[in-house]
Amino acid sequence: MTAPAVHPRAFPGIRTLSRRGALFGGLCLCCLPTLGRAAESFTMEEVGPGIFVRKGLIADATPENADAIANIGFIVGQKGVLVTESGGSLADGQWLRAEIVKRTTKPITHVVLTHVHPDHVFGAGAFVQDKPVFIGHAKLTEALSARGEFYRKRLIDLLGEDRTGPVVYPTLSVADTAEVDLGDRRLTFTAHGPAHTTSDLSMIDSGSGLLFPADLLFVTRIPSLDGSLKGWLKEAERLKAMGPSRAVPGHGPVSVDLAPALADLTGYLTALRDGTRAAIAKDVSIEKAVDIVARDQRDKWALFDTYNGRNVTVAYQELEWE
């Protein structure tokens, strides 16, 4: 059976390039029963009333950090707790759940699965015992069915089954918009078209006005493309049109001013698009394009050398048949 196409941040070790596409391998998702030394520097910051976020590491997953590389957190409402991101491993999810229990006795009623990537969904197993509603994009079940077991088996090879946890599927699927009422605040969800992935879900909290765009917004860390470059630029404009002034990005600071953060993101994506189109027009091979496209962005983004070439590969595949 052919392995499914995989997210380059989850499988950063091997790169194979062709004119028609690319496949990445070499699993780099590592976790431990506890977060070990990495946990010593982790804190939950209250970015709004009852809203707590932990900044993920600007790094790739290692045994020491247990894939705790995404911004994760929770919202405490009158009726219960909504987990905004579950974490990148069972260990990361267990750490987050312990942080929730420290702060409230209210039940964990909802867990958001913002998209298919492992650093955002493999912590969900830590919350199964709470029997929450798991919220995801309408296309997330399909994406997890295609990739989830592959991700999980690779994790088992490295960690053992007890450290890996299950693939958790959404029990509430959002095809357009949906709303969750926590009593004193409402969370409004929007399902986005193909962009960062094909299963991106954003959320706005009525109590604070904060936008939670997950990995539709990267700050500091270079964006990783696994969906549609043209679609991501379109959805970035959609986020802007929603009207919030501040956001909790999927990676980077725990909260940011939305307008300049989106400007930086779209600046990179535009350079990626225009540079790839220029390479295609000049009949530059994909192997050479990965070394030249968007190089002017290098000093603006952490992990640029690790991910820009992969982004060019995905962009080339999308744009060469325009």
C-alpha atoms as a PDB file:
ATOM      1  CA  MET A   1       0.000   0.000   0.000  1.00  0.00           C
ATOM      2  CA  THR A   2       1.332   3.451  -0.884  1.00  0.00           C
ATOM      3  CA  ALA A   3       2.039   5.691   2.077  1.00  0.00           C
ATOM      4  CA  PRO A   4      -0.140   8.797   2.191  1.00  0.00           C
ATOM      5  CA  ALA A   5       1.231  12.208   1.357  1.00  0.00           C
ATOM      6  CA  VAL A   6       2.567  13.618   4.583  1.00  0.00           C
ATOM      7  CA  HIS A   7       3.119  16.942   6.242  1.00  0.00           C
ATOM      8  CA  PRO A   8       6.728  18.096   5.894  1.00  0.00           C
ATOM      9  CA  ARG A   9       6.906  19.367   9.480  1.00  0.00           C
ATOM     10  CA  ALA A  10       5.983  15.898  10.710  1.00  0.00           C
ATOM     11  CA  PHE A  11       8.350  14.102   8.372  1.00  0.00           C
ATOM     12  CA  PRO A  12      11.306  16.407   7.791  1.00  0.00           C
ATOM     13  CA  GLY A  13      14.069  13.870   7.234  1.00  0.00           C
ATOM     14  CA  ILE A  14      13.912  12.908   3.560  1.00  0.00           C
ATOM     15  CA  ARG A  15      13.165  14.960   0.463  1.00  0.00           C
ATOM     16  CA  THR A  16      12.490  13.483  -2.969  1.00  0.00           C
ATOM     17  CA  LEU A  17      11.696  15.920  -5.756  1.00  0.00           C
ATOM     18  CA  SER A  18      10.103  15.470  -9.170  1.00  0.00           C
ATOM     19  CA  ARG A  19       8.430  17.805 -11.660  1.00  0.00           C
ATOM     20  CA  ARG A  20       4.993  16.415 -10.813  1.00  0.00           C
ATOM     21  CA  GLY A  21       5.253  16.433  -7.034  1.00  0.00           C
ATOM     22  CA  ALA A  22       7.061  15.424  -3.880  1.00  0.00           C
ATOM     23  CA  LEU A  23       6.959  12.963  -1.026  1.00  0.00           C
ATOM     24  CA  PHE A  24       8.600  13.571   2.298  1.00  0.00           C
ATOM     25  CA  GLY A  25       9.657  10.941   4.794  1.00  0.00           C
ATOM     26  CA  GLY A  26      11.757  10.474   7.900  1.00  0.00           C
ATOM     27  CA  LEU A  27       9.579  10.871  10.982  1.00  0.00           C
ATOM     28  CA  CYS A  28      10.665  13.495  13.481  1.00  0.00           C
ATOM     29  CA  LEU A  29       7.763  13.324  15.910  1.00  0.00           C
ATOM     30  CA  CYS A  30       9.151  12.272  19.246  1.00  0.00           C
ATOM     31  CA  CYS A  31       7.521  12.288  22.654  1.00  0.00           C
ATOM     32  CA  LEU A  32       8.078  10.998  26.158  1.00  0.00           C
ATOM     33  CA  PRO A  33       5.685  10.150  28.995  1.00  0.00           C
ATOM     34  CA  THR A  34       6.530  13.564  30.427  1.00  0.00           C
ATOM     35  CA  LEU A  35       7.846  16.654  28.714  1.00  0.00           C
ATOM     36  CA  GLY A  36      11.131  16.406  30.601  1.00  0.00           C
ATOM     37  CA  ARG A  37      13.456  19.414  30.561  1.00  0.00           C
ATOM     38  CA  ALA A  38      11.323  21.287  28.023  1.00  0.00           C
ATOM     39  CA  ALA A  39       8.469  21.562  30.523  1.00  0.00           C
ATOM     40  CA  GLU A  40      10.616  23.555  32.927  1.00  0.00           C
ATOM     41  CA  SER A  41      10.407  26.605  30.668  1.00  0.00           C
ATOM     42  CA  PHE A  42       6.702  26.257  29.833  1.00  0.00           C
ATOM     43  CA  THR A  43       4.146  28.603  31.327  1.00  0.00           C
ATOM     44  CA  MET A  44       0.494  29.317  30.624  1.00  0.00           C
ATOM     45  CA  GLU A  45      -0.154  32.982  29.856  1.00  0.00           C
ATOM     46  CA  GLU A  46      -3.586  34.520  30.354  1.00  0.00           C
ATOM     47  CA  VAL A  47      -4.070  36.390  27.073  1.00  0.00           C
ATOM     48  CA  GLY A  48      -7.686  37.341  27.822  1.00  0.00           C
ATOM     49  CA  PRO A  49     -10.202  36.766  30.608  1.00  0.00           C
ATOM     50  CA  GLY A  50     -10.227  33.031  31.215  1.00  0.00           C
ATOM     51  CA  ILE A  51      -8.046  32.346  28.143  1.00  0.00           C
ATOM     52  CA  PHE A  52      -4.745  30.574  28.733  1.00  0.00           C
ATOM     53  CA  VAL A  53      -2.107  29.843  26.070  1.00  0.00           C
ATOM     54  CA  ARG A  54       1.263  28.130  26.149  1.00  0.00           C
ATOM     55  CA  LYS A  55       3.827  29.200  23.591  1.00  0.00           C
ATOM     56  CA  GLY A  56       5.191  26.278  21.619  1.00  0.00           C
ATOM     57  CA  LEU A  57       8.890  25.933  20.961  1.00  0.00           C
ATOM     58  CA  ILE A  58      10.261  27.357  17.719  1.00  0.00           C
ATOM     59  CA  ALA A  59      11.910  24.054  16.893  1.00  0.00           C
ATOM     60  CA  ASP A  60      11.257  20.694  15.355  1.00  0.00           C
ATOM     61  CA  ALA A  61      10.061  17.813  17.500  1.00  0.00           C
ATOM     62  CA  THR A  62      12.672  16.025  19.619  1.00  0.00           C
ATOM     63  CA  PRO A  63      12.586  13.419  22.385  1.00  0.00           C
ATOM     64  CA  GLU A  64      13.263  16.252  24.848  1.00  0.00           C
ATOM     65  CA  ASN A  65      10.389  18.495  23.769  1.00  0.00           C
ATOM     66  CA  ALA A  66       7.745  15.820  23.041  1.00  0.00           C
ATOM     67  CA  ASP A  67       6.592  17.735  19.949  1.00  0.00           C
ATOM     68  CA  ALA A  68       5.451  20.634  22.133  1.00  0.00           C
ATOM     69  CA  ILE A  69       5.988  23.034  19.243  1.00  0.00           C
ATOM     70  CA  ALA A  70       2.489  24.455  18.702  1.00  0.00           C
ATOM     71  CA  ASN A  71       0.715  27.108  20.733  1.00  0.00           C
ATOM     72  CA  ILE A  72      -1.865  25.276  22.814  1.00  0.00           C
ATOM     73  CA  GLY A  73      -4.340  26.334  25.454  1.00  0.00           C
ATOM     74  CA  PHE A  74      -7.869  26.515  26.769  1.00  0.00           C
ATOM     75  CA  ILE A  75     -10.800  28.815  27.489  1.00  0.00           C
ATOM     76  CA  VAL A  76     -12.706  28.645  30.773  1.00  0.00           C
ATOM     77  CA  GLY A  77     -16.380  29.446  30.366  1.00  0.00           C
ATOM     78  CA  GLN A  78     -19.350  29.445  32.708  1.00  0.00           C
ATOM     79  CA  LYS A  79     -20.453  26.001  31.559  1.00  0.00           C
ATOM     80  CA  GLY A  80     -17.086  24.340  31.040  1.00  0.00           C
ATOM     81  CA  VAL A  81     -13.667  24.378  29.396  1.00  0.00           C
ATOM     82  CA  LEU A  82     -12.887  24.428  25.690  1.00  0.00           C
ATOM     83  CA  VAL A  83      -9.407  23.260  24.663  1.00  0.00           C
ATOM     84  CA  THR A  84      -8.216  25.455  21.797  1.00  0.00           C
ATOM     85  CA  GLU A  85      -5.386  23.075  20.753  1.00  0.00           C
ATOM     86  CA  SER A  86      -4.626  19.659  22.230  1.00  0.00           C
ATOM     87  CA  GLY A  87      -0.848  19.461  21.693  1.00  0.00           C
ATOM     88  CA  GLY A  88       1.594  17.456  19.622  1.00  0.00           C
ATOM     89  CA  SER A  89       1.759  14.185  21.528  1.00  0.00           C
ATOM     90  CA  LEU A  90      -0.048  12.276  24.240  1.00  0.00           C
ATOM     91  CA  ALA A  91       2.562  13.643  26.664  1.00  0.00           C
ATOM     92  CA  ASP A  92       1.925  17.200  25.527  1.00  0.00           C
ATOM     93  CA  GLY A  93      -1.823  16.714  25.908  1.00  0.00           C
ATOM     94  CA  GLN A  94      -1.376  15.243  29.384  1.00  0.00           C
ATOM     95  CA  TRP A  95       0.692  18.276  30.369  1.00  0.00           C
ATOM     96  CA  LEU A  96      -2.053  20.595  29.127  1.00  0.00           C
ATOM     97  CA  ARG A  97      -4.788  18.675  30.907  1.00  0.00           C
ATOM     98  CA  ALA A  98      -2.848  18.919  34.175  1.00  0.00           C
ATOM     99  CA  GLU A  99      -2.577  22.682  33.696  1.00  0.00           C
ATOM    100  CA  ILE A 100      -6.351  22.914  33.239  1.00  0.00           C
ATOM    101  CA  VAL A 101      -7.029  20.901  36.379  1.00  0.00           C
ATOM    102  CA  LYS A 102      -4.747  23.242  38.350  1.00  0.00           C
ATOM    103  CA  ARG A 103      -6.934  26.207  37.421  1.00  0.00           C
ATOM    104  CA  THR A 104     -10.526  25.011  37.403  1.00  0.00           C
ATOM    105  CA  THR A 105     -12.825  22.191  38.453  1.00  0.00           C
ATOM    106  CA  LYS A 106     -15.162  22.826  35.536  1.00  0.00           C
ATOM    107  CA  PRO A 107     -15.595  19.972  33.064  1.00  0.00           C
ATOM    108  CA  ILE A 108     -13.650  19.850  29.808  1.00  0.00           C
ATOM    109  CA  THR A 109     -16.558  19.955  27.379  1.00  0.00           C
ATOM    110  CA  HIS A 110     -14.935  20.677  24.014  1.00  0.00           C
ATOM    111  CA  VAL A 111     -11.597  20.003  22.315  1.00  0.00           C
ATOM    112  CA  VAL A 112     -10.764  21.696  19.019  1.00  0.00           C
ATOM    113  CA  LEU A 113      -8.824  19.771  16.366  1.00  0.00           C
ATOM    114  CA  THR A 114      -7.736  22.678  14.183  1.00  0.00           C
ATOM    115  CA  HIS A 115      -6.262  20.628  11.310  1.00  0.00           C
ATOM    116  CA  VAL A 116      -4.649  17.301  10.492  1.00  0.00           C
ATOM    117  CA  HIS A 117      -1.034  17.984  11.451  1.00  0.00           C
ATOM    118  CA  PRO A 118       0.361  15.887  14.315  1.00  0.00           C
ATOM    119  CA  ASP A 119       1.675  18.793  16.386  1.00  0.00           C
ATOM    120  CA  HIS A 120      -1.944  19.948  16.729  1.00  0.00           C
ATOM    121  CA  VAL A 121      -3.933  16.737  17.177  1.00  0.00           C
ATOM    122  CA  PHE A 122      -1.889  14.011  18.859  1.00  0.00           C
ATOM    123  CA  GLY A 123      -2.522  15.469  22.297  1.00  0.00           C
ATOM    124  CA  ALA A 124      -6.242  14.774  21.912  1.00  0.00           C
ATOM    125  CA  GLY A 125      -5.932  11.298  23.406  1.00  0.00           C
ATOM    126  CA  ALA A 126      -5.271  12.880  26.812  1.00  0.00           C
ATOM    127  CA  PHE A 127      -8.843  14.240  26.805  1.00  0.00           C
ATOM    128  CA  VAL A 128     -10.796  11.175  25.701  1.00  0.00           C
ATOM    129  CA  GLN A 129     -11.526  10.355  29.357  1.00  0.00           C
ATOM    130  CA  ASP A 130     -13.427  13.647  29.663  1.00  0.00           C
ATOM    131  CA  LYS A 131     -15.837  12.656  26.868  1.00  0.00           C
ATOM    132  CA  PRO A 132     -15.810  16.129  25.293  1.00  0.00           C
ATOM    133  CA  VAL A 133     -17.104  17.151  21.900  1.00  0.00           C
ATOM    134  CA  PHE A 134     -14.160  17.005  19.504  1.00  0.00           C
ATOM    135  CA  ILE A 135     -14.615  19.799  16.946  1.00  0.00           C
ATOM    136  CA  GLY A 136     -13.017  19.693  13.507  1.00  0.00           C
ATOM    137  CA  HIS A 137     -13.319  20.760   9.891  1.00  0.00           C
ATOM    138  CA  ALA A 138     -15.710  18.723   7.739  1.00  0.00           C
ATOM    139  CA  LYS A 139     -12.701  17.416   5.798  1.00  0.00           C
ATOM    140  CA  LEU A 140     -10.678  16.494   8.874  1.00  0.00           C
ATOM    141  CA  THR A 141     -12.075  12.972   9.199  1.00  0.00           C
ATOM    142  CA  GLU A 142     -11.052  12.262   5.607  1.00  0.00           C
ATOM    143  CA  ALA A 143      -7.585  13.710   6.206  1.00  0.00           C
ATOM    144  CA  LEU A 144      -7.092  11.736   9.433  1.00  0.00           C
ATOM    145  CA  SER A 145      -8.339   8.571   7.735  1.00  0.00           C
ATOM    146  CA  ALA A 146      -5.696   9.046   5.049  1.00  0.00           C
ATOM    147  CA  ARG A 147      -2.813  10.021   7.327  1.00  0.00           C
ATOM    148  CA  GLY A 148      -3.633   9.356  10.962  1.00  0.00           C
ATOM    149  CA  GLU A 149      -2.736   5.681  11.217  1.00  0.00           C
ATOM    150  CA  PHE A 150       0.394   6.236   9.176  1.00  0.00           C
ATOM    151  CA  TYR A 151       1.457   8.964  11.596  1.00  0.00           C
ATOM    152  CA  ARG A 152       0.537   6.780  14.559  1.00  0.00           C
ATOM    153  CA  LYS A 153       2.420   3.702  13.355  1.00  0.00           C
ATOM    154  CA  ARG A 154       5.540   5.713  12.772  1.00  0.00           C
ATOM    155  CA  LEU A 155       5.223   7.099  16.288  1.00  0.00           C
ATOM    156  CA  ILE A 156       4.768   3.612  17.699  1.00  0.00           C
ATOM    157  CA  ASP A 157       7.963   2.519  15.968  1.00  0.00           C
ATOM    158  CA  LEU A 158       9.809   5.204  17.901  1.00  0.00           C
ATOM    159  CA  LEU A 159       7.945   5.440  21.180  1.00  0.00           C
ATOM    160  CA  GLY A 160       5.866   2.365  21.831  1.00  0.00           C
ATOM    161  CA  GLU A 161       2.098   2.276  21.708  1.00  0.00           C
ATOM    162  CA  ASP A 162       1.556   3.517  25.256  1.00  0.00           C
ATOM    163  CA  ARG A 163       3.364   6.770  24.508  1.00  0.00           C
ATOM    164  CA  THR A 164       1.701   7.365  21.171  1.00  0.00           C
ATOM    165  CA  GLY A 165      -1.992   7.527  21.962  1.00  0.00           C
ATOM    166  CA  PRO A 166      -4.919   7.073  19.579  1.00  0.00           C
ATOM    167  CA  VAL A 167      -5.933   8.940  16.471  1.00  0.00           C
ATOM    168  CA  VAL A 168      -8.921  10.975  17.665  1.00  0.00           C
ATOM    169  CA  TYR A 169     -11.611  11.929  15.156  1.00  0.00           C
ATOM    170  CA  PRO A 170     -13.999  14.882  15.358  1.00  0.00           C
ATOM    171  CA  THR A 171     -17.462  14.220  16.709  1.00  0.00           C
ATOM    172  CA  LEU A 172     -18.712  17.620  15.527  1.00  0.00           C
ATOM    173  CA  SER A 173     -17.772  18.503  11.953  1.00  0.00           C
ATOM    174  CA  VAL A 174     -17.913  22.079  10.681  1.00  0.00           C
ATOM    175  CA  ALA A 175     -18.609  22.488   6.968  1.00  0.00           C
ATOM    176  CA  ASP A 176     -19.246  26.233   7.025  1.00  0.00           C
ATOM    177  CA  THR A 177     -19.728  27.817  10.450  1.00  0.00           C
ATOM    178  CA  ALA A 178     -20.732  26.594  13.894  1.00  0.00           C
ATOM    179  CA  GLU A 179     -21.114  28.040  17.376  1.00  0.00           C
ATOM    180  CA  VAL A 180     -20.405  26.741  20.875  1.00  0.00           C
ATOM    181  CA  ASP A 181     -22.030  28.446  23.873  1.00  0.00           C
ATOM    182  CA  LEU A 182     -19.979  28.281  27.079  1.00  0.00           C
ATOM    183  CA  GLY A 183     -22.551  30.322  28.970  1.00  0.00           C
ATOM    184  CA  ASP A 184     -20.779  33.630  29.309  1.00  0.00           C
ATOM    185  CA  ARG A 185     -19.077  33.509  25.909  1.00  0.00           C
ATOM    186  CA  ARG A 186     -19.651  32.070  22.457  1.00  0.00           C
ATOM    187  CA  LEU A 187     -17.048  30.517  20.204  1.00  0.00           C
ATOM    188  CA  THR A 188     -17.730  30.894  16.492  1.00  0.00           C
ATOM    189  CA  PHE A 189     -15.999  28.460  14.140  1.00  0.00           C
ATOM    190  CA  THR A 190     -15.239  28.894  10.456  1.00  0.00           C
ATOM    191  CA  ALA A 191     -14.218  26.099   8.090  1.00  0.00           C
ATOM    192  CA  HIS A 192     -11.706  27.395   5.556  1.00  0.00           C
ATOM    193  CA  GLY A 193     -10.961  26.294   2.018  1.00  0.00           C
ATOM    194  CA  PRO A 194      -7.643  24.616   1.156  1.00  0.00           C
ATOM    195  CA  ALA A 195      -4.857  26.807   2.523  1.00  0.00           C
ATOM    196  CA  HIS A 196      -2.256  25.687   5.072  1.00  0.00           C
ATOM    197  CA  THR A 197      -3.985  22.281   4.788  1.00  0.00           C
ATOM    198  CA  THR A 198      -7.313  21.078   3.438  1.00  0.00           C
ATOM    199  CA  SER A 199      -8.821  20.992   6.948  1.00  0.00           C
ATOM    200  CA  ASP A 200      -8.131  24.393   8.553  1.00  0.00           C
ATOM    201  CA  LEU A 201     -10.562  25.596  11.217  1.00  0.00           C
ATOM    202  CA  SER A 202     -10.504  29.030  12.862  1.00  0.00           C
ATOM    203  CA  MET A 203     -12.373  30.324  15.897  1.00  0.00           C
ATOM    204  CA  ILE A 204     -13.357  33.704  17.369  1.00  0.00           C
ATOM    205  CA  ASP A 205     -14.138  34.184  21.070  1.00  0.00           C
ATOM    206  CA  SER A 206     -16.983  36.629  21.725  1.00  0.00           C
ATOM    207  CA  GLY A 207     -15.763  37.409  25.232  1.00  0.00           C
ATOM    208  CA  SER A 208     -12.372  38.769  24.211  1.00  0.00           C
ATOM    209  CA  GLY A 209     -12.684  39.266  20.467  1.00  0.00           C
ATOM    210  CA  LEU A 210      -9.582  37.129  19.987  1.00  0.00           C
ATOM    211  CA  LEU A 211      -9.166  35.192  16.758  1.00  0.00           C
ATOM    212  CA  PHE A 212      -7.710  31.683  16.914  1.00  0.00           C
ATOM    213  CA  PRO A 213      -6.567  31.010  13.332  1.00  0.00           C
ATOM    214  CA  ALA A 214      -4.315  28.066  14.267  1.00  0.00           C
ATOM    215  CA  ASP A 215      -1.773  27.466  11.502  1.00  0.00           C
ATOM    216  CA  LEU A 216      -3.443  29.826   9.094  1.00  0.00           C
ATOM    217  CA  LEU A 217      -1.185  32.288  10.939  1.00  0.00           C
ATOM    218  CA  PHE A 218       2.507  31.657  11.583  1.00  0.00           C
ATOM    219  CA  VAL A 219       4.596  34.290  13.372  1.00  0.00           C
ATOM    220  CA  THR A 220       8.409  34.075  13.629  1.00  0.00           C
ATOM    221  CA  ARG A 221       8.445  30.454  12.440  1.00  0.00           C
ATOM    222  CA  ILE A 222       8.325  30.037   8.665  1.00  0.00           C
ATOM    223  CA  PRO A 223       4.884  28.964   7.364  1.00  0.00           C
ATOM    224  CA  SER A 224       4.649  25.403   6.072  1.00  0.00           C
ATOM    225  CA  LEU A 225       2.532  24.759   2.987  1.00  0.00           C
ATOM    226  CA  ASP A 226       0.500  21.553   2.794  1.00  0.00           C
ATOM    227  CA  GLY A 227      -2.680  22.690   1.050  1.00  0.00           C
ATOM    228  CA  SER A 228      -2.970  25.468  -1.519  1.00  0.00           C
ATOM    229  CA  LEU A 229      -0.731  28.521  -1.863  1.00  0.00           C
ATOM    230  CA  LYS A 230      -3.342  30.509  -3.780  1.00  0.00           C
ATOM    231  CA  GLY A 231      -5.988  29.342  -1.330  1.00  0.00           C
ATOM    232  CA  TRP A 232      -3.918  30.429   1.676  1.00  0.00           C
ATOM    233  CA  LEU A 233      -3.552  33.938   0.302  1.00  0.00           C
ATOM    234  CA  LYS A 234      -7.328  34.006  -0.201  1.00  0.00           C
ATOM    235  CA  GLU A 235      -8.065  32.749   3.306  1.00  0.00           C
ATOM    236  CA  ALA A 236      -5.636  35.279   4.798  1.00  0.00           C
ATOM    237  CA  GLU A 237      -7.814  38.017   3.304  1.00  0.00           C
ATOM    238  CA  ARG A 238     -10.842  36.270   4.765  1.00  0.00           C
ATOM    239  CA  LEU A 239      -9.278  36.322   8.235  1.00  0.00           C
ATOM    240  CA  LYS A 240      -8.603  40.034   7.869  1.00  0.00           C
ATOM    241  CA  ALA A 241     -12.210  40.648   6.837  1.00  0.00           C
ATOM    242  CA  MET A 242     -13.484  38.960  10.005  1.00  0.00           C
ATOM    243  CA  GLY A 243     -12.493  42.136  11.837  1.00  0.00           C
ATOM    244  CA  PRO A 244     -10.537  41.031  14.941  1.00  0.00           C
ATOM    245  CA  SER A 245      -7.593  43.168  15.999  1.00  0.00           C
ATOM    246  CA  ARG A 246      -5.657  40.456  17.854  1.00  0.00           C
ATOM    247  CA  ALA A 247      -5.022  36.773  17.319  1.00  0.00           C
ATOM    248  CA  VAL A 248      -3.421  33.695  18.868  1.00  0.00           C
ATOM    249  CA  PRO A 249      -1.247  32.245  16.073  1.00  0.00           C
ATOM    250  CA  GLY A 250      -0.542  28.552  15.675  1.00  0.00           C
ATOM    251  CA  HIS A 251       3.175  29.233  16.132  1.00  0.00           C
ATOM    252  CA  GLY A 252       4.937  32.256  17.562  1.00  0.00           C
ATOM    253  CA  PRO A 253       3.971  34.640  20.399  1.00  0.00           C
ATOM    254  CA  VAL A 254       0.871  33.735  22.382  1.00  0.00           C
ATOM    255  CA  SER A 255      -0.997  36.753  20.986  1.00  0.00           C
ATOM    256  CA  VAL A 256      -0.259  39.309  18.289  1.00  0.00           C
ATOM    257  CA  ASP A 257      -1.742  42.279  16.483  1.00  0.00           C
ATOM    258  CA  LEU A 258      -3.426  40.614  13.528  1.00  0.00           C
ATOM    259  CA  ALA A 259      -2.815  43.140  10.737  1.00  0.00           C
ATOM    260  CA  PRO A 260       1.016  43.242  10.833  1.00  0.00           C
ATOM    261  CA  ALA A 261       1.232  39.485  11.447  1.00  0.00           C
ATOM    262  CA  LEU A 262      -0.937  38.793   8.398  1.00  0.00           C
ATOM    263  CA  ALA A 263       1.145  41.259   6.390  1.00  0.00           C
ATOM    264  CA  ASP A 264       4.304  39.319   7.215  1.00  0.00           C
ATOM    265  CA  LEU A 265       2.636  36.005   6.392  1.00  0.00           C
ATOM    266  CA  THR A 266       1.239  37.183   3.066  1.00  0.00           C
ATOM    267  CA  GLY A 267       4.567  38.820   2.260  1.00  0.00           C
ATOM    268  CA  TYR A 268       6.249  35.444   2.438  1.00  0.00           C
ATOM    269  CA  LEU A 269       3.460  33.621   0.607  1.00  0.00           C
ATOM    270  CA  THR A 270       3.469  36.247  -2.143  1.00  0.00           C
ATOM    271  CA  ALA A 271       7.237  35.955  -2.556  1.00  0.00           C
ATOM    272  CA  LEU A 272       6.814  32.183  -2.718  1.00  0.00           C
ATOM    273  CA  ARG A 273       4.068  32.483  -5.344  1.00  0.00           C
ATOM    274  CA  ASP A 274       5.767  35.080  -7.525  1.00  0.00           C
ATOM    275  CA  GLY A 275       9.177  33.446  -7.320  1.00  0.00           C
ATOM    276  CA  THR A 276       7.799  30.038  -8.195  1.00  0.00           C
ATOM    277  CA  ARG A 277       5.844  31.429 -11.133  1.00  0.00           C
ATOM    278  CA  ALA A 278       8.983  33.167 -12.410  1.00  0.00           C
ATOM    279  CA  ALA A 279      10.994  29.942 -12.129  1.00  0.00           C
ATOM    280  CA  ILE A 280       8.333  28.007 -14.020  1.00  0.00           C
ATOM    281  CA  ALA A 281       8.174  30.673 -16.726  1.00  0.00           C
ATOM    282  CA  LYS A 282      11.946  30.414 -17.207  1.00  0.00           C
ATOM    283  CA  ASP A 283      11.737  26.600 -17.252  1.00  0.00           C
ATOM    284  CA  VAL A 284      13.874  26.369 -14.118  1.00  0.00           C
ATOM    285  CA  SER A 285      13.684  22.822 -12.763  1.00  0.00           C
ATOM    286  CA  ILE A 286      12.036  22.167  -9.440  1.00  0.00           C
ATOM    287  CA  GLU A 287      15.392  20.938  -8.104  1.00  0.00           C
ATOM    288  CA  LYS A 288      16.949  24.337  -8.827  1.00  0.00           C
ATOM    289  CA  ALA A 289      13.873  26.337  -7.856  1.00  0.00           C
ATOM    290  CA  VAL A 290      14.016  25.119  -4.257  1.00  0.00           C
ATOM    291  CA  ASP A 291      17.400  26.821  -3.885  1.00  0.00           C
ATOM    292  CA  ILE A 292      16.474  30.216  -5.316  1.00  0.00           C
ATOM    293  CA  VAL A 293      12.785  30.998  -4.725  1.00  0.00           C
ATOM    294  CA  ALA A 294      11.921  33.429  -1.889  1.00  0.00           C
ATOM    295  CA  ARG A 295      15.533  33.676  -0.703  1.00  0.00           C
ATOM    296  CA  ASP A 296      14.975  37.348   0.130  1.00  0.00           C
ATOM    297  CA  GLN A 297      12.733  36.142   2.952  1.00  0.00           C
ATOM    298  CA  ARG A 298      15.457  34.088   4.644  1.00  0.00           C
ATOM    299  CA  ASP A 299      16.359  36.522   7.417  1.00  0.00           C
ATOM    300  CA  LYS A 300      12.718  37.069   8.353  1.00  0.00           C
ATOM    301  CA  TRP A 301      11.812  33.524   9.411  1.00  0.00           C
ATOM    302  CA  ALA A 302      13.136  30.915  11.826  1.00  0.00           C
ATOM    303  CA  LEU A 303      13.765  27.465  10.300  1.00  0.00           C
ATOM    304  CA  PHE A 304      13.763  28.955   6.797  1.00  0.00           C
ATOM    305  CA  ASP A 305      16.416  26.572   5.482  1.00  0.00           C
ATOM    306  CA  THR A 306      14.461  23.585   6.781  1.00  0.00           C
ATOM    307  CA  TYR A 307      11.099  24.404   5.209  1.00  0.00           C
ATOM    308  CA  ASN A 308      11.374  26.889   2.366  1.00  0.00           C
ATOM    309  CA  GLY A 309      12.545  24.269  -0.122  1.00  0.00           C
ATOM    310  CA  ARG A 310       9.589  22.067   0.727  1.00  0.00           C
ATOM    311  CA  ASN A 311       7.226  24.999   0.367  1.00  0.00           C
ATOM    312  CA  VAL A 312       8.672  25.703  -3.074  1.00  0.00           C
ATOM    313  CA  THR A 313       8.088  22.080  -4.031  1.00  0.00           C
ATOM    314  CA  VAL A 314       4.416  22.222  -3.045  1.00  0.00           C
ATOM    315  CA  ALA A 315       3.970  25.623  -4.704  1.00  0.00           C
ATOM    316  CA  TYR A 316       5.657  24.422  -7.900  1.00  0.00           C
ATOM    317  CA  GLN A 317       3.343  21.433  -8.070  1.00  0.00           C
ATOM    318  CA  GLU A 318       0.304  23.691  -7.715  1.00  0.00           C
ATOM    319  CA  LEU A 319       1.384  26.510 -10.032  1.00  0.00           C
ATOM    320  CA  GLU A 320       3.087  24.716 -12.912  1.00  0.00           C
ATOM    321  CA  TRP A 321      -0.258  23.750 -14.487  1.00  0.00           C
ATOM    322  CA  GLU A 322      -1.971  27.150 -14.205  1.00  0.00           C
END
